[in-house]
Amino acid sequence: MHRDLYSGHWTPVCKLDDIVPNTGVCALINGEQVAVFHISDGQQRLFAIDNYDANAGASVLSRGLIGSIGERIVVASPIYKQHFDLLTGECLEAPEHSVATWPVKLENGRVWVGA
C-alpha cells in the first residue's frame, strides 16, 4: 500500500554510505518511524516502509533480514519472521498486517524520503 499522504516534501535521512548495503536504518519523519533499506545487488536500490510490525507489536522492521522470495525483495521481521515486500509493503504471511511504503530517492549521495 503506497503512502496516500505524500505532500511533495522530501526529508533528508542520511548519506547513502551511512547504510550498510543490504541492511536498513530507522528514521523519524514527521513523528513516524520509517525503515529505509539500501539494496546493493548490482544496482543501488532504496526502499522505505513503515517500521512497525503489527504481528510483533513492535517497531523493528529496519533491523530485519533482507532476502528474496521469488522475484520479490523482502525483509523478514526479526521477531516472528514474517516477510514484508519492500516494494509494496505487503506482509506475505498476514496481508492484513501489510505496511505503508514511502517514496524514497537518492540525490547527491544523500537518501531522501517523501513525507
PDB file of N, CA and C in Angstrom:
ATOM      1  N   MET A   1       0.853  -1.155   0.000  1.00  0.00           N
ATOM      2  CA  MET A   1       0.000   0.000   0.000  1.00  0.00           C
ATOM      3  C   MET A   1       0.900   1.219   0.000  1.00  0.00           C
ATOM      4  N   HIS A   2       0.732   2.051  -0.983  1.00  0.00           N
ATOM      5  CA  HIS A   2       1.566   3.245  -1.113  1.00  0.00           C
ATOM      6  C   HIS A   2       1.012   4.338  -0.214  1.00  0.00           C
ATOM      7  N   ARG A   3       1.896   5.111   0.303  1.00  0.00           N
ATOM      8  CA  ARG A   3       1.536   6.197   1.211  1.00  0.00           C
ATOM      9  C   ARG A   3       0.658   7.206   0.475  1.00  0.00           C
ATOM     10  N   ASP A   4      -0.570   7.399   0.920  1.00  0.00           N
ATOM     11  CA  ASP A   4      -1.504   8.314   0.270  1.00  0.00           C
ATOM     12  C   ASP A   4      -1.302   9.760   0.695  1.00  0.00           C
ATOM     13  N   LEU A   5      -0.600   9.981   1.794  1.00  0.00           N
ATOM     14  CA  LEU A   5      -0.499  11.321   2.349  1.00  0.00           C
ATOM     15  C   LEU A   5       0.756  12.060   1.902  1.00  0.00           C
ATOM     16  N   TYR A   6       1.426  11.602   0.859  1.00  0.00           N
ATOM     17  CA  TYR A   6       2.646  12.248   0.396  1.00  0.00           C
ATOM     18  C   TYR A   6       2.341  13.673  -0.037  1.00  0.00           C
ATOM     19  N   SER A   7       3.027  14.627   0.581  1.00  0.00           N
ATOM     20  CA  SER A   7       2.743  16.049   0.354  1.00  0.00           C
ATOM     21  C   SER A   7       3.661  16.693  -0.676  1.00  0.00           C
ATOM     22  N   GLY A   8       4.633  15.938  -1.188  1.00  0.00           N
ATOM     23  CA  GLY A   8       5.593  16.531  -2.116  1.00  0.00           C
ATOM     24  C   GLY A   8       6.831  17.052  -1.416  1.00  0.00           C
ATOM     25  N   HIS A   9       6.872  16.933  -0.095  1.00  0.00           N
ATOM     26  CA  HIS A   9       8.027  17.386   0.685  1.00  0.00           C
ATOM     27  C   HIS A   9       8.989  16.216   0.884  1.00  0.00           C
ATOM     28  N   TRP A  10      10.282  16.475   0.673  1.00  0.00           N
ATOM     29  CA  TRP A  10      11.309  15.455   0.859  1.00  0.00           C
ATOM     30  C   TRP A  10      12.114  15.763   2.110  1.00  0.00           C
ATOM     31  N   THR A  11      12.360  14.738   2.919  1.00  0.00           N
ATOM     32  CA  THR A  11      13.124  14.874   4.155  1.00  0.00           C
ATOM     33  C   THR A  11      14.449  14.135   4.001  1.00  0.00           C
ATOM     34  N   PRO A  12      15.590  14.809   4.269  1.00  0.00           N
ATOM     35  CA  PRO A  12      16.869  14.104   4.202  1.00  0.00           C
ATOM     36  C   PRO A  12      16.990  13.125   5.369  1.00  0.00           C
ATOM     37  N   VAL A  13      17.483  11.927   5.081  1.00  0.00           N
ATOM     38  CA  VAL A  13      17.615  10.897   6.111  1.00  0.00           C
ATOM     39  C   VAL A  13      19.074  10.712   6.507  1.00  0.00           C
ATOM     40  N   CYS A  14      19.940  10.461   5.529  1.00  0.00           N
ATOM     41  CA  CYS A  14      21.354  10.209   5.807  1.00  0.00           C
ATOM     42  C   CYS A  14      22.104  10.152   4.480  1.00  0.00           C
ATOM     43  N   LYS A  15      23.409   9.982   4.557  1.00  0.00           N
ATOM     44  CA  LYS A  15      24.195   9.710   3.355  1.00  0.00           C
ATOM     45  C   LYS A  15      24.018   8.235   3.001  1.00  0.00           C
ATOM     46  N   LEU A  16      24.064   7.923   1.715  1.00  0.00           N
ATOM     47  CA  LEU A  16      23.936   6.528   1.296  1.00  0.00           C
ATOM     48  C   LEU A  16      24.989   5.663   1.975  1.00  0.00           C
ATOM     49  N   ASP A  17      26.197   6.191   2.120  1.00  0.00           N
ATOM     50  CA  ASP A  17      27.283   5.431   2.743  1.00  0.00           C
ATOM     51  C   ASP A  17      27.025   5.112   4.210  1.00  0.00           C
ATOM     52  N   ASP A  18      26.054   5.789   4.827  1.00  0.00           N
ATOM     53  CA  ASP A  18      25.722   5.515   6.228  1.00  0.00           C
ATOM     54  C   ASP A  18      24.900   4.239   6.394  1.00  0.00           C
ATOM     55  N   ILE A  19      24.348   3.733   5.295  1.00  0.00           N
ATOM     56  CA  ILE A  19      23.556   2.497   5.357  1.00  0.00           C
ATOM     57  C   ILE A  19      24.401   1.368   4.769  1.00  0.00           C
ATOM     58  N   VAL A  20      24.732   0.398   5.586  1.00  0.00           N
ATOM     59  CA  VAL A  20      25.484  -0.764   5.110  1.00  0.00           C
ATOM     60  C   VAL A  20      24.639  -1.451   4.036  1.00  0.00           C
ATOM     61  N   PRO A  21      25.235  -1.777   2.878  1.00  0.00           N
ATOM     62  CA  PRO A  21      24.451  -2.431   1.826  1.00  0.00           C
ATOM     63  C   PRO A  21      23.711  -3.669   2.337  1.00  0.00           C
ATOM     64  N   ASN A  22      22.477  -3.813   1.866  1.00  0.00           N
ATOM     65  CA  ASN A  22      21.603  -4.936   2.194  1.00  0.00           C
ATOM     66  C   ASN A  22      21.183  -4.963   3.660  1.00  0.00           C
ATOM     67  N   THR A  23      21.058  -3.760   4.229  1.00  0.00           N
ATOM     68  CA  THR A  23      20.511  -3.603   5.577  1.00  0.00           C
ATOM     69  C   THR A  23      19.583  -2.396   5.580  1.00  0.00           C
ATOM     70  N   GLY A  24      19.039  -2.119   6.750  1.00  0.00           N
ATOM     71  CA  GLY A  24      18.158  -0.973   6.893  1.00  0.00           C
ATOM     72  C   GLY A  24      18.534  -0.106   8.072  1.00  0.00           C
ATOM     73  N   VAL A  25      17.963   1.086   8.087  1.00  0.00           N
ATOM     74  CA  VAL A  25      18.082   2.010   9.213  1.00  0.00           C
ATOM     75  C   VAL A  25      16.683   2.546   9.498  1.00  0.00           C
ATOM     76  N   CYS A  26      16.521   3.115  10.676  1.00  0.00           N
ATOM     77  CA  CYS A  26      15.246   3.717  11.039  1.00  0.00           C
ATOM     78  C   CYS A  26      15.402   5.228  11.063  1.00  0.00           C
ATOM     79  N   ALA A  27      14.426   5.927  10.504  1.00  0.00           N
ATOM     80  CA  ALA A  27      14.415   7.392  10.515  1.00  0.00           C
ATOM     81  C   ALA A  27      13.090   7.850  11.112  1.00  0.00           C
ATOM     82  N   LEU A  28      13.132   8.939  11.853  1.00  0.00           N
ATOM     83  CA  LEU A  28      11.917   9.533  12.405  1.00  0.00           C
ATOM     84  C   LEU A  28      11.519  10.688  11.499  1.00  0.00           C
ATOM     85  N   ILE A  29      10.389  10.539  10.814  1.00  0.00           N
ATOM     86  CA  ILE A  29       9.927  11.537   9.854  1.00  0.00           C
ATOM     87  C   ILE A  29       8.519  11.966  10.238  1.00  0.00           C
ATOM     88  N   ASN A  30       8.385  13.238  10.556  1.00  0.00           N
ATOM     89  CA  ASN A  30       7.085  13.782  10.982  1.00  0.00           C
ATOM     90  C   ASN A  30       6.457  12.948  12.095  1.00  0.00           C
ATOM     91  N   GLY A  31       7.289  12.493  13.027  1.00  0.00           N
ATOM     92  CA  GLY A  31       6.801  11.724  14.168  1.00  0.00           C
ATOM     93  C   GLY A  31       6.548  10.257  13.896  1.00  0.00           C
ATOM     94  N   GLU A  32       6.835   9.786  12.692  1.00  0.00           N
ATOM     95  CA  GLU A  32       6.617   8.382  12.340  1.00  0.00           C
ATOM     96  C   GLU A  32       7.946   7.693  12.068  1.00  0.00           C
ATOM     97  N   GLN A  33       8.072   6.443  12.548  1.00  0.00           N
ATOM     98  CA  GLN A  33       9.272   5.665  12.276  1.00  0.00           C
ATOM     99  C   GLN A  33       9.175   5.043  10.882  1.00  0.00           C
ATOM    100  N   VAL A  34      10.211   5.280  10.090  1.00  0.00           N
ATOM    101  CA  VAL A  34      10.276   4.762   8.726  1.00  0.00           C
ATOM    102  C   VAL A  34      11.531   3.904   8.604  1.00  0.00           C
ATOM    103  N   ALA A  35      11.381   2.695   8.082  1.00  0.00           N
ATOM    104  CA  ALA A  35      12.509   1.803   7.833  1.00  0.00           C
ATOM    105  C   ALA A  35      13.003   2.049   6.410  1.00  0.00           C
ATOM    106  N   VAL A  36      14.276   2.409   6.275  1.00  0.00           N
ATOM    107  CA  VAL A  36      14.870   2.722   4.972  1.00  0.00           C
ATOM    108  C   VAL A  36      15.924   1.659   4.671  1.00  0.00           C
ATOM    109  N   PHE A  37      15.818   1.029   3.502  1.00  0.00           N
ATOM    110  CA  PHE A  37      16.699  -0.074   3.128  1.00  0.00           C
ATOM    111  C   PHE A  37      17.526   0.278   1.898  1.00  0.00           C
ATOM    112  N   HIS A  38      18.792  -0.132   1.932  1.00  0.00           N
ATOM    113  CA  HIS A  38      19.720   0.042   0.809  1.00  0.00           C
ATOM    114  C   HIS A  38      20.044  -1.353   0.287  1.00  0.00           C
ATOM    115  N   ILE A  39      19.569  -1.656  -0.904  1.00  0.00           N
ATOM    116  CA  ILE A  39      19.803  -2.956  -1.524  1.00  0.00           C
ATOM    117  C   ILE A  39      20.857  -2.778  -2.611  1.00  0.00           C
ATOM    118  N   SER A  40      21.917  -3.550  -2.497  1.00  0.00           N
ATOM    119  CA  SER A  40      23.008  -3.480  -3.467  1.00  0.00           C
ATOM    120  C   SER A  40      23.170  -4.855  -4.102  1.00  0.00           C
ATOM    121  N   ASP A  41      22.564  -5.024  -5.268  1.00  0.00           N
ATOM    122  CA  ASP A  41      22.624  -6.302  -5.980  1.00  0.00           C
ATOM    123  C   ASP A  41      23.035  -6.065  -7.431  1.00  0.00           C
ATOM    124  N   GLY A  42      24.079  -5.270  -7.592  1.00  0.00           N
ATOM    125  CA  GLY A  42      24.483  -4.839  -8.921  1.00  0.00           C
ATOM    126  C   GLY A  42      23.896  -3.482  -9.246  1.00  0.00           C
ATOM    127  N   GLN A  43      22.868  -3.119  -8.522  1.00  0.00           N
ATOM    128  CA  GLN A  43      22.244  -1.799  -8.614  1.00  0.00           C
ATOM    129  C   GLN A  43      22.217  -1.223  -7.200  1.00  0.00           C
ATOM    130  N   GLN A  44      22.083   0.074  -7.103  1.00  0.00           N
ATOM    131  CA  GLN A  44      21.878   0.711  -5.803  1.00  0.00           C
ATOM    132  C   GLN A  44      20.392   1.031  -5.715  1.00  0.00           C
ATOM    133  N   ARG A  45      19.640   0.259  -4.927  1.00  0.00           N
ATOM    134  CA  ARG A  45      18.200   0.491  -4.815  1.00  0.00           C
ATOM    135  C   ARG A  45      17.840   0.854  -3.386  1.00  0.00           C
ATOM    136  N   LEU A  46      16.858   1.721  -3.257  1.00  0.00           N
ATOM    137  CA  LEU A  46      16.387   2.171  -1.955  1.00  0.00           C
ATOM    138  C   LEU A  46      14.899   1.886  -1.820  1.00  0.00           C
ATOM    139  N   PHE A  47      14.497   1.504  -0.618  1.00  0.00           N
ATOM    140  CA  PHE A  47      13.096   1.261  -0.298  1.00  0.00           C
ATOM    141  C   PHE A  47      12.815   1.869   1.066  1.00  0.00           C
ATOM    142  N   ALA A  48      11.578   2.288   1.283  1.00  0.00           N
ATOM    143  CA  ALA A  48      11.176   2.805   2.593  1.00  0.00           C
ATOM    144  C   ALA A  48       9.770   2.299   2.909  1.00  0.00           C
ATOM    145  N   ILE A  49       9.629   1.711   4.097  1.00  0.00           N
ATOM    146  CA  ILE A  49       8.342   1.204   4.572  1.00  0.00           C
ATOM    147  C   ILE A  49       8.169   1.623   6.028  1.00  0.00           C
ATOM    148  N   ASP A  50       6.939   1.525   6.526  1.00  0.00           N
ATOM    149  CA  ASP A  50       6.731   1.759   7.954  1.00  0.00           C
ATOM    150  C   ASP A  50       7.598   0.781   8.743  1.00  0.00           C
ATOM    151  N   ASN A  51       8.097   1.221   9.879  1.00  0.00           N
ATOM    152  CA  ASN A  51       8.966   0.394  10.710  1.00  0.00           C
ATOM    153  C   ASN A  51       8.182  -0.527  11.641  1.00  0.00           C
ATOM    154  N   TYR A  52       6.885  -0.275  11.811  1.00  0.00           N
ATOM    155  CA  TYR A  52       6.082  -1.006  12.801  1.00  0.00           C
ATOM    156  C   TYR A  52       5.594  -2.342  12.255  1.00  0.00           C
ATOM    157  N   ASP A  53       5.896  -3.420  12.971  1.00  0.00           N
ATOM    158  CA  ASP A  53       5.424  -4.761  12.635  1.00  0.00           C
ATOM    159  C   ASP A  53       4.240  -5.088  13.541  1.00  0.00           C
ATOM    160  N   ALA A  54       3.032  -5.068  12.990  1.00  0.00           N
ATOM    161  CA  ALA A  54       1.826  -5.329  13.781  1.00  0.00           C
ATOM    162  C   ALA A  54       1.779  -6.767  14.291  1.00  0.00           C
ATOM    163  N   ASN A  55       2.441  -7.701  13.603  1.00  0.00           N
ATOM    164  CA  ASN A  55       2.478  -9.086  14.068  1.00  0.00           C
ATOM    165  C   ASN A  55       3.164  -9.177  15.428  1.00  0.00           C
ATOM    166  N   ALA A  56       4.220  -8.395  15.612  1.00  0.00           N
ATOM    167  CA  ALA A  56       5.007  -8.422  16.846  1.00  0.00           C
ATOM    168  C   ALA A  56       4.616  -7.310  17.810  1.00  0.00           C
ATOM    169  N   GLY A  57       3.913  -6.301  17.317  1.00  0.00           N
ATOM    170  CA  GLY A  57       3.568  -5.162  18.158  1.00  0.00           C
ATOM    171  C   GLY A  57       4.783  -4.327  18.514  1.00  0.00           C
ATOM    172  N   ALA A  58       5.732  -4.237  17.567  1.00  0.00           N
ATOM    173  CA  ALA A  58       6.978  -3.518  17.849  1.00  0.00           C
ATOM    174  C   ALA A  58       7.511  -2.853  16.581  1.00  0.00           C
ATOM    175  N   SER A  59       8.258  -1.792  16.766  1.00  0.00           N
ATOM    176  CA  SER A  59       8.895  -1.073  15.650  1.00  0.00           C
ATOM    177  C   SER A  59      10.275  -1.666  15.412  1.00  0.00           C
ATOM    178  N   VAL A  60      10.331  -2.676  14.542  1.00  0.00           N
ATOM    179  CA  VAL A  60      11.559  -3.459  14.390  1.00  0.00           C
ATOM    180  C   VAL A  60      11.956  -3.765  12.946  1.00  0.00           C
ATOM    181  N   LEU A  61      11.147  -3.396  11.964  1.00  0.00           N
ATOM    182  CA  LEU A  61      11.415  -3.862  10.599  1.00  0.00           C
ATOM    183  C   LEU A  61      12.751  -3.387  10.049  1.00  0.00           C
ATOM    184  N   SER A  62      13.231  -2.230  10.491  1.00  0.00           N
ATOM    185  CA  SER A  62      14.521  -1.737   9.992  1.00  0.00           C
ATOM    186  C   SER A  62      15.671  -2.661  10.381  1.00  0.00           C
ATOM    187  N   ARG A  63      15.469  -3.529  11.360  1.00  0.00           N
ATOM    188  CA  ARG A  63      16.503  -4.458  11.827  1.00  0.00           C
ATOM    189  C   ARG A  63      16.308  -5.875  11.298  1.00  0.00           C
ATOM    190  N   GLY A  64      15.382  -6.036  10.356  1.00  0.00           N
ATOM    191  CA  GLY A  64      15.112  -7.355   9.812  1.00  0.00           C
ATOM    192  C   GLY A  64      16.162  -7.814   8.818  1.00  0.00           C
ATOM    193  N   LEU A  65      16.049  -9.075   8.423  1.00  0.00           N
ATOM    194  CA  LEU A  65      16.964  -9.672   7.451  1.00  0.00           C
ATOM    195  C   LEU A  65      16.413  -9.493   6.043  1.00  0.00           C
ATOM    196  N   ILE A  66      17.276  -9.070   5.128  1.00  0.00           N
ATOM    197  CA  ILE A  66      16.899  -8.844   3.733  1.00  0.00           C
ATOM    198  C   ILE A  66      17.098 -10.133   2.941  1.00  0.00           C
ATOM    199  N   GLY A  67      16.169 -10.408   2.051  1.00  0.00           N
ATOM    200  CA  GLY A  67      16.292 -11.571   1.191  1.00  0.00           C
ATOM    201  C   GLY A  67      15.336 -11.447   0.022  1.00  0.00           C
ATOM    202  N   SER A  68      15.064 -12.569  -0.621  1.00  0.00           N
ATOM    203  CA  SER A  68      14.106 -12.554  -1.721  1.00  0.00           C
ATOM    204  C   SER A  68      13.266 -13.818  -1.660  1.00  0.00           C
ATOM    205  N   ILE A  69      12.036 -13.668  -2.103  1.00  0.00           N
ATOM    206  CA  ILE A  69      11.129 -14.797  -2.276  1.00  0.00           C
ATOM    207  C   ILE A  69      10.629 -14.673  -3.706  1.00  0.00           C
ATOM    208  N   GLY A  70      11.083 -15.579  -4.551  1.00  0.00           N
ATOM    209  CA  GLY A  70      10.805 -15.439  -5.977  1.00  0.00           C
ATOM    210  C   GLY A  70      11.464 -14.166  -6.473  1.00  0.00           C
ATOM    211  N   GLU A  71      10.694 -13.325  -7.120  1.00  0.00           N
ATOM    212  CA  GLU A  71      11.207 -12.053  -7.639  1.00  0.00           C
ATOM    213  C   GLU A  71      11.072 -10.913  -6.631  1.00  0.00           C
ATOM    214  N   ARG A  72      10.480 -11.182  -5.491  1.00  0.00           N
ATOM    215  CA  ARG A  72      10.226 -10.132  -4.505  1.00  0.00           C
ATOM    216  C   ARG A  72      11.424  -9.938  -3.575  1.00  0.00           C
ATOM    217  N   ILE A  73      11.788  -8.688  -3.357  1.00  0.00           N
ATOM    218  CA  ILE A  73      12.784  -8.365  -2.340  1.00  0.00           C
ATOM    219  C   ILE A  73      12.015  -8.125  -1.054  1.00  0.00           C
ATOM    220  N   VAL A  74      12.400  -8.835   0.004  1.00  0.00           N
ATOM    221  CA  VAL A  74      11.642  -8.790   1.249  1.00  0.00           C
ATOM    222  C   VAL A  74      12.561  -8.523   2.433  1.00  0.00           C
ATOM    223  N   VAL A  75      11.934  -8.077   3.520  1.00  0.00           N
ATOM    224  CA  VAL A  75      12.597  -8.022   4.814  1.00  0.00           C
ATOM    225  C   VAL A  75      11.831  -8.979   5.719  1.00  0.00           C
ATOM    226  N   ALA A  76      12.570  -9.816   6.459  1.00  0.00           N
ATOM    227  CA  ALA A  76      11.958 -10.719   7.434  1.00  0.00           C
ATOM    228  C   ALA A  76      12.013 -10.041   8.792  1.00  0.00           C
ATOM    229  N   SER A  77      10.871  -9.908   9.417  1.00  0.00           N
ATOM    230  CA  SER A  77      10.822  -9.284  10.736  1.00  0.00           C
ATOM    231  C   SER A  77      11.732 -10.045  11.701  1.00  0.00           C
ATOM    232  N   PRO A  78      12.496  -9.330  12.523  1.00  0.00           N
ATOM    233  CA  PRO A  78      13.416 -10.020  13.426  1.00  0.00           C
ATOM    234  C   PRO A  78      12.726 -10.773  14.566  1.00  0.00           C
ATOM    235  N   ILE A  79      11.434 -10.562  14.768  1.00  0.00           N
ATOM    236  CA  ILE A  79      10.771 -11.231  15.895  1.00  0.00           C
ATOM    237  C   ILE A  79      10.092 -12.525  15.447  1.00  0.00           C
ATOM    238  N   TYR A  80       9.045 -12.436  14.625  1.00  0.00           N
ATOM    239  CA  TYR A  80       8.317 -13.645  14.217  1.00  0.00           C
ATOM    240  C   TYR A  80       8.601 -14.070  12.779  1.00  0.00           C
ATOM    241  N   LYS A  81       9.470 -13.350  12.103  1.00  0.00           N
ATOM    242  CA  LYS A  81       9.979 -13.722  10.770  1.00  0.00           C
ATOM    243  C   LYS A  81       8.983 -13.597   9.626  1.00  0.00           C
ATOM    244  N   GLN A  82       7.882 -12.843   9.800  1.00  0.00           N
ATOM    245  CA  GLN A  82       7.010 -12.594   8.658  1.00  0.00           C
ATOM    246  C   GLN A  82       7.782 -11.783   7.625  1.00  0.00           C
ATOM    247  N   HIS A  83       7.446 -11.985   6.360  1.00  0.00           N
ATOM    248  CA  HIS A  83       8.139 -11.325   5.258  1.00  0.00           C
ATOM    249  C   HIS A  83       7.310 -10.164   4.725  1.00  0.00           C
ATOM    250  N   PHE A  84       7.970  -9.018   4.547  1.00  0.00           N
ATOM    251  CA  PHE A  84       7.330  -7.823   4.007  1.00  0.00           C
ATOM    252  C   PHE A  84       7.997  -7.466   2.685  1.00  0.00           C
ATOM    253  N   ASP A  85       7.189  -7.347   1.634  1.00  0.00           N
ATOM    254  CA  ASP A  85       7.681  -6.954   0.317  1.00  0.00           C
ATOM    255  C   ASP A  85       8.123  -5.493   0.397  1.00  0.00           C
ATOM    256  N   LEU A  86       9.379  -5.221   0.065  1.00  0.00           N
ATOM    257  CA  LEU A  86       9.898  -3.860   0.197  1.00  0.00           C
ATOM    258  C   LEU A  86       9.319  -2.903  -0.839  1.00  0.00           C
ATOM    259  N   LEU A  87       8.823  -3.409  -1.946  1.00  0.00           N
ATOM    260  CA  LEU A  87       8.240  -2.543  -2.967  1.00  0.00           C
ATOM    261  C   LEU A  87       6.791  -2.170  -2.649  1.00  0.00           C
ATOM    262  N   THR A  88       6.027  -3.127  -2.140  1.00  0.00           N
ATOM    263  CA  THR A  88       4.594  -2.904  -1.928  1.00  0.00           C
ATOM    264  C   THR A  88       4.185  -2.768  -0.465  1.00  0.00           C
ATOM    265  N   GLY A  89       5.020  -3.247   0.465  1.00  0.00           N
ATOM    266  CA  GLY A  89       4.672  -3.246   1.882  1.00  0.00           C
ATOM    267  C   GLY A  89       3.829  -4.438   2.303  1.00  0.00           C
ATOM    268  N   GLU A  90       3.481  -5.306   1.358  1.00  0.00           N
ATOM    269  CA  GLU A  90       2.626  -6.446   1.670  1.00  0.00           C
ATOM    270  C   GLU A  90       3.318  -7.413   2.628  1.00  0.00           C
ATOM    271  N   CYS A  91       2.591  -7.829   3.664  1.00  0.00           N
ATOM    272  CA  CYS A  91       3.055  -8.901   4.544  1.00  0.00           C
ATOM    273  C   CYS A  91       2.601 -10.209   3.901  1.00  0.00           C
ATOM    274  N   LEU A  92       3.556 -11.031   3.479  1.00  0.00           N
ATOM    275  CA  LEU A  92       3.214 -12.211   2.690  1.00  0.00           C
ATOM    276  C   LEU A  92       2.436 -13.248   3.490  1.00  0.00           C
ATOM    277  N   GLU A  93       2.727 -13.382   4.780  1.00  0.00           N
ATOM    278  CA  GLU A  93       2.043 -14.383   5.596  1.00  0.00           C
ATOM    279  C   GLU A  93       0.731 -13.869   6.196  1.00  0.00           C
ATOM    280  N   ALA A  94       0.628 -12.572   6.391  1.00  0.00           N
ATOM    281  CA  ALA A  94      -0.574 -11.986   7.009  1.00  0.00           C
ATOM    282  C   ALA A  94      -0.878 -10.659   6.320  1.00  0.00           C
ATOM    283  N   PRO A  95      -1.509 -10.699   5.134  1.00  0.00           N
ATOM    284  CA  PRO A  95      -1.746  -9.471   4.362  1.00  0.00           C
ATOM    285  C   PRO A  95      -2.465  -8.367   5.141  1.00  0.00           C
ATOM    286  N   GLU A  96      -3.245  -8.735   6.143  1.00  0.00           N
ATOM    287  CA  GLU A  96      -3.926  -7.720   6.944  1.00  0.00           C
ATOM    288  C   GLU A  96      -2.948  -6.891   7.779  1.00  0.00           C
ATOM    289  N   HIS A  97      -1.704  -7.336   7.880  1.00  0.00           N
ATOM    290  CA  HIS A  97      -0.670  -6.604   8.611  1.00  0.00           C
ATOM    291  C   HIS A  97       0.334  -5.931   7.674  1.00  0.00           C
ATOM    292  N   SER A  98      -0.051  -5.734   6.429  1.00  0.00           N
ATOM    293  CA  SER A  98       0.823  -5.037   5.477  1.00  0.00           C
ATOM    294  C   SER A  98       1.111  -3.627   5.969  1.00  0.00           C
ATOM    295  N   VAL A  99       2.227  -3.072   5.520  1.00  0.00           N
ATOM    296  CA  VAL A  99       2.654  -1.737   5.953  1.00  0.00           C
ATOM    297  C   VAL A  99       2.672  -0.784   4.767  1.00  0.00           C
ATOM    298  N   ALA A 100       2.642   0.493   5.071  1.00  0.00           N
ATOM    299  CA  ALA A 100       2.700   1.518   4.025  1.00  0.00           C
ATOM    300  C   ALA A 100       4.123   1.643   3.493  1.00  0.00           C
ATOM    301  N   THR A 101       4.227   2.026   2.239  1.00  0.00           N
ATOM    302  CA  THR A 101       5.525   2.341   1.643  1.00  0.00           C
ATOM    303  C   THR A 101       5.658   3.853   1.544  1.00  0.00           C
ATOM    304  N   TRP A 102       6.882   4.313   1.478  1.00  0.00           N
ATOM    305  CA  TRP A 102       7.176   5.739   1.372  1.00  0.00           C
ATOM    306  C   TRP A 102       8.013   5.965   0.114  1.00  0.00           C
ATOM    307  N   PRO A 103       7.816   7.083  -0.582  1.00  0.00           N
ATOM    308  CA  PRO A 103       8.704   7.396  -1.704  1.00  0.00           C
ATOM    309  C   PRO A 103      10.106   7.667  -1.164  1.00  0.00           C
ATOM    310  N   VAL A 104      11.100   7.221  -1.902  1.00  0.00           N
ATOM    311  CA  VAL A 104      12.492   7.409  -1.475  1.00  0.00           C
ATOM    312  C   VAL A 104      13.335   7.696  -2.704  1.00  0.00           C
ATOM    313  N   LYS A 105      14.344   8.550  -2.548  1.00  0.00           N
ATOM    314  CA  LYS A 105      15.218   8.870  -3.678  1.00  0.00           C
ATOM    315  C   LYS A 105      16.638   9.109  -3.184  1.00  0.00           C
ATOM    316  N   LEU A 106      17.575   9.019  -4.120  1.00  0.00           N
ATOM    317  CA  LEU A 106      18.983   9.302  -3.865  1.00  0.00           C
ATOM    318  C   LEU A 106      19.347  10.528  -4.675  1.00  0.00           C
ATOM    319  N   GLU A 107      19.878  11.528  -3.999  1.00  0.00           N
ATOM    320  CA  GLU A 107      20.255  12.769  -4.668  1.00  0.00           C
ATOM    321  C   GLU A 107      21.553  13.283  -4.061  1.00  0.00           C
ATOM    322  N   ASN A 108      22.580  13.427  -4.903  1.00  0.00           N
ATOM    323  CA  ASN A 108      23.888  13.913  -4.453  1.00  0.00           C
ATOM    324  C   ASN A 108      24.438  13.099  -3.289  1.00  0.00           C
ATOM    325  N   GLY A 109      24.255  11.777  -3.360  1.00  0.00           N
ATOM    326  CA  GLY A 109      24.802  10.894  -2.338  1.00  0.00           C
ATOM    327  C   GLY A 109      24.007  10.839  -1.046  1.00  0.00           C
ATOM    328  N   ARG A 110      22.867  11.533  -1.002  1.00  0.00           N
ATOM    329  CA  ARG A 110      22.025  11.543   0.202  1.00  0.00           C
ATOM    330  C   ARG A 110      20.703  10.824  -0.072  1.00  0.00           C
ATOM    331  N   VAL A 111      20.202  10.163   0.966  1.00  0.00           N
ATOM    332  CA  VAL A 111      18.926   9.465   0.897  1.00  0.00           C
ATOM    333  C   VAL A 111      17.837  10.410   1.399  1.00  0.00           C
ATOM    334  N   TRP A 112      16.760  10.523   0.633  1.00  0.00           N
ATOM    335  CA  TRP A 112      15.622  11.388   0.963  1.00  0.00           C
ATOM    336  C   TRP A 112      14.354  10.547   0.979  1.00  0.00           C
ATOM    337  N   VAL A 113      13.461  10.825   1.924  1.00  0.00           N
ATOM    338  CA  VAL A 113      12.167  10.147   1.998  1.00  0.00           C
ATOM    339  C   VAL A 113      11.074  11.190   1.840  1.00  0.00           C
ATOM    340  N   GLY A 114      10.104  10.881   0.996  1.00  0.00           N
ATOM    341  CA  GLY A 114       8.969  11.779   0.786  1.00  0.00           C
ATOM    342  C   GLY A 114       7.975  11.657   1.925  1.00  0.00           C
ATOM    343  N   ALA A 115       7.547  12.812   2.417  1.00  0.00           N
ATOM    344  CA  ALA A 115       6.614  12.798   3.558  1.00  0.00           C
ATOM    345  C   ALA A 115       5.437  13.713   3.283  1.00  0.00           C
TER     346      ALA A 115
END
